[in-house]
PDB file of N, CA and C in Angstrom:
ATOM      1  N   UNK A   1      39.791 -41.008 -86.781  1.00  0.00           N
ATOM      2  CA  UNK A   1      40.352 -41.464 -85.526  1.00  0.00           C
ATOM      3  C   UNK A   1      39.465 -42.583 -84.975  1.00  0.00           C
ATOM      4  N   UNK A   2      40.076 -43.579 -84.460  1.00  0.00           N
ATOM      5  CA  UNK A   2      39.408 -44.755 -83.918  1.00  0.00           C
ATOM      6  C   UNK A   2      38.701 -44.420 -82.606  1.00  0.00           C
ATOM      7  N   UNK A   3      37.556 -45.033 -82.361  1.00  0.00           N
ATOM      8  CA  UNK A   3      36.805 -44.802 -81.122  1.00  0.00           C
ATOM      9  C   UNK A   3      37.562 -45.302 -79.899  1.00  0.00           C
ATOM     10  N   UNK A   4      38.505 -46.218 -80.090  1.00  0.00           N
ATOM     11  CA  UNK A   4      39.293 -46.767 -78.994  1.00  0.00           C
ATOM     12  C   UNK A   4      40.474 -45.871 -78.626  1.00  0.00           C
ATOM     13  N   UNK A   5      40.745 -44.851 -79.402  1.00  0.00           N
ATOM     14  CA  UNK A   5      41.890 -43.981 -79.158  1.00  0.00           C
ATOM     15  C   UNK A   5      41.581 -42.975 -78.055  1.00  0.00           C
ATOM     16  N   UNK A   6      42.504 -42.857 -77.117  1.00  0.00           N
ATOM     17  CA  UNK A   6      42.404 -41.888 -76.027  1.00  0.00           C
ATOM     18  C   UNK A   6      43.483 -40.845 -76.251  1.00  0.00           C
ATOM     19  N   UNK A   7      43.113 -39.586 -76.163  1.00  0.00           N
ATOM     20  CA  UNK A   7      44.083 -38.504 -76.296  1.00  0.00           C
ATOM     21  C   UNK A   7      44.323 -37.929 -74.908  1.00  0.00           C
ATOM     22  N   UNK A   8      45.564 -38.035 -74.463  1.00  0.00           N
ATOM     23  CA  UNK A   8      45.957 -37.500 -73.162  1.00  0.00           C
ATOM     24  C   UNK A   8      46.622 -36.149 -73.409  1.00  0.00           C
ATOM     25  N   UNK A   9      45.993 -35.104 -72.912  1.00  0.00           N
ATOM     26  CA  UNK A   9      46.487 -33.746 -73.107  1.00  0.00           C
ATOM     27  C   UNK A   9      47.415 -33.356 -71.962  1.00  0.00           C
ATOM     28  N   UNK A  10      48.531 -32.714 -72.314  1.00  0.00           N
ATOM     29  CA  UNK A  10      49.474 -32.215 -71.312  1.00  0.00           C
ATOM     30  C   UNK A  10      49.688 -30.723 -71.543  1.00  0.00           C
ATOM     31  N   UNK A  11      49.794 -29.983 -70.443  1.00  0.00           N
ATOM     32  CA  UNK A  11      50.056 -28.540 -70.528  1.00  0.00           C
ATOM     33  C   UNK A  11      51.291 -28.241 -69.698  1.00  0.00           C
ATOM     34  N   UNK A  12      52.230 -27.528 -70.290  1.00  0.00           N
ATOM     35  CA  UNK A  12      53.502 -27.213 -69.660  1.00  0.00           C
ATOM     36  C   UNK A  12      53.525 -25.803 -69.093  1.00  0.00           C
ATOM     37  N   UNK A  13      54.285 -25.618 -68.018  1.00  0.00           N
ATOM     38  CA  UNK A  13      54.578 -24.287 -67.481  1.00  0.00           C
ATOM     39  C   UNK A  13      55.733 -23.704 -68.315  1.00  0.00           C
ATOM     40  N   UNK A  14      55.971 -22.407 -68.230  1.00  0.00           N
ATOM     41  CA  UNK A  14      57.073 -21.802 -68.977  1.00  0.00           C
ATOM     42  C   UNK A  14      58.444 -22.429 -68.674  1.00  0.00           C
ATOM     43  N   UNK A  15      58.607 -23.003 -67.487  1.00  0.00           N
ATOM     44  CA  UNK A  15      59.903 -23.611 -67.145  1.00  0.00           C
ATOM     45  C   UNK A  15      60.022 -25.066 -67.609  1.00  0.00           C
ATOM     46  N   UNK A  16      59.004 -25.587 -68.297  1.00  0.00           N
ATOM     47  CA  UNK A  16      59.054 -26.931 -68.855  1.00  0.00           C
ATOM     48  C   UNK A  16      58.448 -28.016 -67.993  1.00  0.00           C
ATOM     49  N   UNK A  17      57.994 -27.686 -66.798  1.00  0.00           N
ATOM     50  CA  UNK A  17      57.340 -28.694 -65.965  1.00  0.00           C
ATOM     51  C   UNK A  17      55.885 -28.834 -66.382  1.00  0.00           C
ATOM     52  N   UNK A  18      55.296 -29.960 -66.032  1.00  0.00           N
ATOM     53  CA  UNK A  18      53.899 -30.232 -66.379  1.00  0.00           C
ATOM     54  C   UNK A  18      52.969 -29.584 -65.353  1.00  0.00           C
ATOM     55  N   UNK A  19      52.006 -28.835 -65.836  1.00  0.00           N
ATOM     56  CA  UNK A  19      51.018 -28.187 -64.976  1.00  0.00           C
ATOM     57  C   UNK A  19      49.768 -29.050 -64.883  1.00  0.00           C
ATOM     58  N   UNK A  20      49.312 -29.553 -66.024  1.00  0.00           N
ATOM     59  CA  UNK A  20      48.107 -30.391 -66.083  1.00  0.00           C
ATOM     60  C   UNK A  20      48.326 -31.497 -67.097  1.00  0.00           C
ATOM     61  N   UNK A  21      47.737 -32.669 -66.801  1.00  0.00           N
ATOM     62  CA  UNK A  21      47.746 -33.775 -67.754  1.00  0.00           C
ATOM     63  C   UNK A  21      46.519 -34.634 -67.476  1.00  0.00           C
ATOM     64  N   UNK A  22      45.849 -35.039 -68.524  1.00  0.00           N
ATOM     65  CA  UNK A  22      44.613 -35.806 -68.356  1.00  0.00           C
ATOM     66  C   UNK A  22      44.896 -37.280 -68.092  1.00  0.00           C
ATOM     67  N   UNK A  23      43.847 -37.986 -67.669  1.00  0.00           N
ATOM     68  CA  UNK A  23      43.892 -39.427 -67.391  1.00  0.00           C
ATOM     69  C   UNK A  23      44.893 -39.779 -66.284  1.00  0.00           C
ATOM     70  N   UNK A  24      45.212 -38.809 -65.420  1.00  0.00           N
ATOM     71  CA  UNK A  24      46.210 -39.032 -64.371  1.00  0.00           C
ATOM     72  C   UNK A  24      45.630 -39.884 -63.250  1.00  0.00           C
ATOM     73  N   UNK A  25      46.335 -40.963 -62.882  1.00  0.00           N
ATOM     74  CA  UNK A  25      45.860 -41.785 -61.768  1.00  0.00           C
ATOM     75  C   UNK A  25      45.977 -41.047 -60.440  1.00  0.00           C
ATOM     76  N   UNK A  26      45.098 -41.383 -59.518  1.00  0.00           N
ATOM     77  CA  UNK A  26      45.179 -40.804 -58.175  1.00  0.00           C
ATOM     78  C   UNK A  26      46.502 -41.211 -57.547  1.00  0.00           C
ATOM     79  N   UNK A  27      47.119 -40.294 -56.844  1.00  0.00           N
ATOM     80  CA  UNK A  27      48.366 -40.601 -56.174  1.00  0.00           C
ATOM     81  C   UNK A  27      49.609 -40.212 -56.956  1.00  0.00           C
ATOM     82  N   UNK A  28      49.452 -39.819 -58.205  1.00  0.00           N
ATOM     83  CA  UNK A  28      50.598 -39.364 -59.000  1.00  0.00           C
ATOM     84  C   UNK A  28      50.450 -37.879 -59.279  1.00  0.00           C
ATOM     85  N   UNK A  29      51.545 -37.147 -59.156  1.00  0.00           N
ATOM     86  CA  UNK A  29      51.451 -35.748 -59.543  1.00  0.00           C
ATOM     87  C   UNK A  29      51.600 -35.656 -61.067  1.00  0.00           C
ATOM     88  N   UNK A  30      51.234 -34.527 -61.652  1.00  0.00           N
ATOM     89  CA  UNK A  30      51.253 -34.412 -63.116  1.00  0.00           C
ATOM     90  C   UNK A  30      52.616 -34.715 -63.742  1.00  0.00           C
ATOM     91  N   UNK A  31      53.689 -34.259 -63.124  1.00  0.00           N
ATOM     92  CA  UNK A  31      55.022 -34.478 -63.693  1.00  0.00           C
ATOM     93  C   UNK A  31      55.387 -35.961 -63.694  1.00  0.00           C
ATOM     94  N   UNK A  32      55.045 -36.672 -62.621  1.00  0.00           N
ATOM     95  CA  UNK A  32      55.341 -38.109 -62.552  1.00  0.00           C
ATOM     96  C   UNK A  32      54.573 -38.891 -63.618  1.00  0.00           C
ATOM     97  N   UNK A  33      53.316 -38.540 -63.850  1.00  0.00           N
ATOM     98  CA  UNK A  33      52.518 -39.209 -64.869  1.00  0.00           C
ATOM     99  C   UNK A  33      53.082 -38.941 -66.257  1.00  0.00           C
ATOM    100  N   UNK A  34      53.463 -37.706 -66.527  1.00  0.00           N
ATOM    101  CA  UNK A  34      54.072 -37.376 -67.814  1.00  0.00           C
ATOM    102  C   UNK A  34      55.378 -38.140 -68.000  1.00  0.00           C
ATOM    103  N   UNK A  35      56.221 -38.170 -66.969  1.00  0.00           N
ATOM    104  CA  UNK A  35      57.490 -38.890 -67.066  1.00  0.00           C
ATOM    105  C   UNK A  35      57.255 -40.368 -67.342  1.00  0.00           C
ATOM    106  N   UNK A  36      56.303 -40.968 -66.641  1.00  0.00           N
ATOM    107  CA  UNK A  36      55.985 -42.371 -66.850  1.00  0.00           C
ATOM    108  C   UNK A  36      55.562 -42.622 -68.295  1.00  0.00           C
ATOM    109  N   UNK A  37      54.630 -41.809 -68.783  1.00  0.00           N
ATOM    110  CA  UNK A  37      54.172 -41.980 -70.166  1.00  0.00           C
ATOM    111  C   UNK A  37      55.296 -41.742 -71.168  1.00  0.00           C
ATOM    112  N   UNK A  38      56.166 -40.806 -70.869  1.00  0.00           N
ATOM    113  CA  UNK A  38      57.284 -40.526 -71.774  1.00  0.00           C
ATOM    114  C   UNK A  38      58.211 -41.724 -71.899  1.00  0.00           C
ATOM    115  N   UNK A  39      58.441 -42.428 -70.809  1.00  0.00           N
ATOM    116  CA  UNK A  39      59.292 -43.619 -70.844  1.00  0.00           C
ATOM    117  C   UNK A  39      58.590 -44.805 -71.509  1.00  0.00           C
ATOM    118  N   UNK A  40      57.295 -44.927 -71.304  1.00  0.00           N
ATOM    119  CA  UNK A  40      56.554 -46.078 -71.800  1.00  0.00           C
ATOM    120  C   UNK A  40      56.007 -45.899 -73.220  1.00  0.00           C
ATOM    121  N   UNK A  41      55.684 -44.681 -73.603  1.00  0.00           N
ATOM    122  CA  UNK A  41      54.981 -44.463 -74.874  1.00  0.00           C
ATOM    123  C   UNK A  41      55.474 -43.219 -75.601  1.00  0.00           C
ATOM    124  N   UNK A  42      56.771 -43.016 -75.627  1.00  0.00           N
ATOM    125  CA  UNK A  42      57.332 -41.812 -76.244  1.00  0.00           C
ATOM    126  C   UNK A  42      56.960 -41.693 -77.720  1.00  0.00           C
ATOM    127  N   UNK A  43      56.813 -42.818 -78.408  1.00  0.00           N
ATOM    128  CA  UNK A  43      56.505 -42.784 -79.836  1.00  0.00           C
ATOM    129  C   UNK A  43      55.075 -42.339 -80.137  1.00  0.00           C
ATOM    130  N   UNK A  44      54.242 -42.253 -79.116  1.00  0.00           N
ATOM    131  CA  UNK A  44      52.865 -41.806 -79.336  1.00  0.00           C
ATOM    132  C   UNK A  44      52.647 -40.356 -78.899  1.00  0.00           C
ATOM    133  N   UNK A  45      53.728 -39.644 -78.574  1.00  0.00           N
ATOM    134  CA  UNK A  45      53.629 -38.251 -78.121  1.00  0.00           C
ATOM    135  C   UNK A  45      53.786 -37.300 -79.300  1.00  0.00           C
ATOM    136  N   UNK A  46      53.001 -36.232 -79.266  1.00  0.00           N
ATOM    137  CA  UNK A  46      53.110 -35.177 -80.268  1.00  0.00           C
ATOM    138  C   UNK A  46      53.152 -33.839 -79.553  1.00  0.00           C
ATOM    139  N   UNK A  47      54.219 -33.079 -79.780  1.00  0.00           N
ATOM    140  CA  UNK A  47      54.322 -31.737 -79.221  1.00  0.00           C
ATOM    141  C   UNK A  47      53.426 -30.795 -80.018  1.00  0.00           C
ATOM    142  N   UNK A  48      52.773 -29.888 -79.309  1.00  0.00           N
ATOM    143  CA  UNK A  48      51.918 -28.896 -79.939  1.00  0.00           C
ATOM    144  C   UNK A  48      52.398 -27.497 -79.557  1.00  0.00           C
ATOM    145  N   UNK A  49      51.901 -26.499 -80.224  1.00  0.00           N
ATOM    146  CA  UNK A  49      52.262 -25.118 -79.915  1.00  0.00           C
ATOM    147  C   UNK A  49      51.638 -24.673 -78.599  1.00  0.00           C
ATOM    148  N   UNK A  50      52.191 -23.632 -78.028  1.00  0.00           N
ATOM    149  CA  UNK A  50      51.606 -23.026 -76.839  1.00  0.00           C
ATOM    150  C   UNK A  50      51.837 -23.796 -75.557  1.00  0.00           C
ATOM    151  N   UNK A  51      52.920 -24.558 -75.484  1.00  0.00           N
ATOM    152  CA  UNK A  51      53.229 -25.284 -74.261  1.00  0.00           C
ATOM    153  C   UNK A  51      52.289 -26.448 -73.999  1.00  0.00           C
ATOM    154  N   UNK A  52      51.905 -27.145 -75.058  1.00  0.00           N
ATOM    155  CA  UNK A  52      50.990 -28.273 -74.923  1.00  0.00           C
ATOM    156  C   UNK A  52      51.530 -29.463 -75.695  1.00  0.00           C
ATOM    157  N   UNK A  53      50.964 -30.622 -75.416  1.00  0.00           N
ATOM    158  CA  UNK A  53      51.306 -31.829 -76.148  1.00  0.00           C
ATOM    159  C   UNK A  53      50.258 -32.887 -75.884  1.00  0.00           C
ATOM    160  N   UNK A  54      50.247 -33.944 -76.703  1.00  0.00           N
ATOM    161  CA  UNK A  54      49.277 -35.021 -76.535  1.00  0.00           C
ATOM    162  C   UNK A  54      49.940 -36.375 -76.732  1.00  0.00           C
ATOM    163  N   UNK A  55      49.443 -37.350 -75.990  1.00  0.00           N
ATOM    164  CA  UNK A  55      49.744 -38.752 -76.228  1.00  0.00           C
ATOM    165  C   UNK A  55      48.498 -39.348 -76.856  1.00  0.00           C
ATOM    166  N   UNK A  56      48.656 -40.132 -77.908  1.00  0.00           N
ATOM    167  CA  UNK A  56      47.532 -40.842 -78.532  1.00  0.00           C
ATOM    168  C   UNK A  56      47.740 -42.328 -78.282  1.00  0.00           C
ATOM    169  N   UNK A  57      46.885 -42.891 -77.450  1.00  0.00           N
ATOM    170  CA  UNK A  57      47.018 -44.279 -77.021  1.00  0.00           C
ATOM    171  C   UNK A  57      45.675 -44.989 -77.091  1.00  0.00           C
ATOM    172  N   UNK A  58      45.705 -46.303 -77.083  1.00  0.00           N
ATOM    173  CA  UNK A  58      44.460 -47.065 -76.999  1.00  0.00           C
ATOM    174  C   UNK A  58      43.970 -47.051 -75.559  1.00  0.00           C
ATOM    175  N   UNK A  59      42.693 -47.284 -75.376  1.00  0.00           N
ATOM    176  CA  UNK A  59      42.111 -47.334 -74.026  1.00  0.00           C
ATOM    177  C   UNK A  59      42.781 -48.438 -73.211  1.00  0.00           C
ATOM    178  N   UNK A  60      43.045 -49.582 -73.841  1.00  0.00           N
ATOM    179  CA  UNK A  60      43.683 -50.694 -73.135  1.00  0.00           C
ATOM    180  C   UNK A  60      45.075 -50.307 -72.645  1.00  0.00           C
ATOM    181  N   UNK A  61      45.834 -49.598 -73.475  1.00  0.00           N
ATOM    182  CA  UNK A  61      47.180 -49.178 -73.081  1.00  0.00           C
ATOM    183  C   UNK A  61      47.112 -48.182 -71.924  1.00  0.00           C
ATOM    184  N   UNK A  62      46.186 -47.236 -71.984  1.00  0.00           N
ATOM    185  CA  UNK A  62      46.051 -46.245 -70.911  1.00  0.00           C
ATOM    186  C   UNK A  62      45.700 -46.939 -69.597  1.00  0.00           C
ATOM    187  N   UNK A  63      44.764 -47.855 -69.638  1.00  0.00           N
ATOM    188  CA  UNK A  63      44.376 -48.571 -68.417  1.00  0.00           C
ATOM    189  C   UNK A  63      45.542 -49.375 -67.850  1.00  0.00           C
ATOM    190  N   UNK A  64      46.308 -50.026 -68.729  1.00  0.00           N
ATOM    191  CA  UNK A  64      47.470 -50.798 -68.269  1.00  0.00           C
ATOM    192  C   UNK A  64      48.533 -49.876 -67.678  1.00  0.00           C
ATOM    193  N   UNK A  65      48.773 -48.728 -68.324  1.00  0.00           N
ATOM    194  CA  UNK A  65      49.762 -47.779 -67.810  1.00  0.00           C
ATOM    195  C   UNK A  65      49.332 -47.215 -66.461  1.00  0.00           C
ATOM    196  N   UNK A  66      48.051 -46.937 -66.299  1.00  0.00           N
ATOM    197  CA  UNK A  66      47.549 -46.426 -65.021  1.00  0.00           C
ATOM    198  C   UNK A  66      47.799 -47.436 -63.903  1.00  0.00           C
ATOM    199  N   UNK A  67      47.501 -48.697 -64.181  1.00  0.00           N
ATOM    200  CA  UNK A  67      47.702 -49.747 -63.186  1.00  0.00           C
ATOM    201  C   UNK A  67      49.175 -49.873 -62.831  1.00  0.00           C
ATOM    202  N   UNK A  68      50.030 -49.892 -63.831  1.00  0.00           N
ATOM    203  CA  UNK A  68      51.471 -50.025 -63.600  1.00  0.00           C
ATOM    204  C   UNK A  68      52.036 -48.823 -62.867  1.00  0.00           C
ATOM    205  N   UNK A  69      51.648 -47.630 -63.263  1.00  0.00           N
ATOM    206  CA  UNK A  69      52.164 -46.419 -62.620  1.00  0.00           C
ATOM    207  C   UNK A  69      51.718 -46.329 -61.159  1.00  0.00           C
ATOM    208  N   UNK A  70      50.474 -46.715 -60.891  1.00  0.00           N
ATOM    209  CA  UNK A  70      49.963 -46.679 -59.522  1.00  0.00           C
ATOM    210  C   UNK A  70      50.713 -47.685 -58.656  1.00  0.00           C
ATOM    211  N   UNK A  71      50.990 -48.865 -59.201  1.00  0.00           N
ATOM    212  CA  UNK A  71      51.728 -49.889 -58.439  1.00  0.00           C
ATOM    213  C   UNK A  71      53.142 -49.427 -58.132  1.00  0.00           C
ATOM    214  N   UNK A  72      53.806 -48.763 -59.089  1.00  0.00           N
ATOM    215  CA  UNK A  72      55.168 -48.287 -58.865  1.00  0.00           C
ATOM    216  C   UNK A  72      55.202 -47.129 -57.878  1.00  0.00           C
ATOM    217  N   UNK A  73      54.138 -46.323 -57.833  1.00  0.00           N
ATOM    218  CA  UNK A  73      54.108 -45.166 -56.949  1.00  0.00           C
ATOM    219  C   UNK A  73      53.841 -45.580 -55.497  1.00  0.00           C
ATOM    220  N   UNK A  74      53.260 -46.734 -55.305  1.00  0.00           N
ATOM    221  CA  UNK A  74      52.901 -47.188 -53.945  1.00  0.00           C
ATOM    222  C   UNK A  74      54.099 -47.659 -53.150  1.00  0.00           C
TER     223      UNK A  74
END
């Protein structure tokens, strides 16, 4: 795995909503951040067992997504 790769971990509740997700910008709730990433980077998502999943993105992409998501939330 490349040193530039960031793994964003997501944890789901039994009803399918997001309980926790890493790299979340201030001002966004976990579900909004997951939805944003799902629309922008669906091809980098991997579902895991136990109600979890990960996005594998570059640091540059994560920083750009954070900036864009924060601007849209304002």
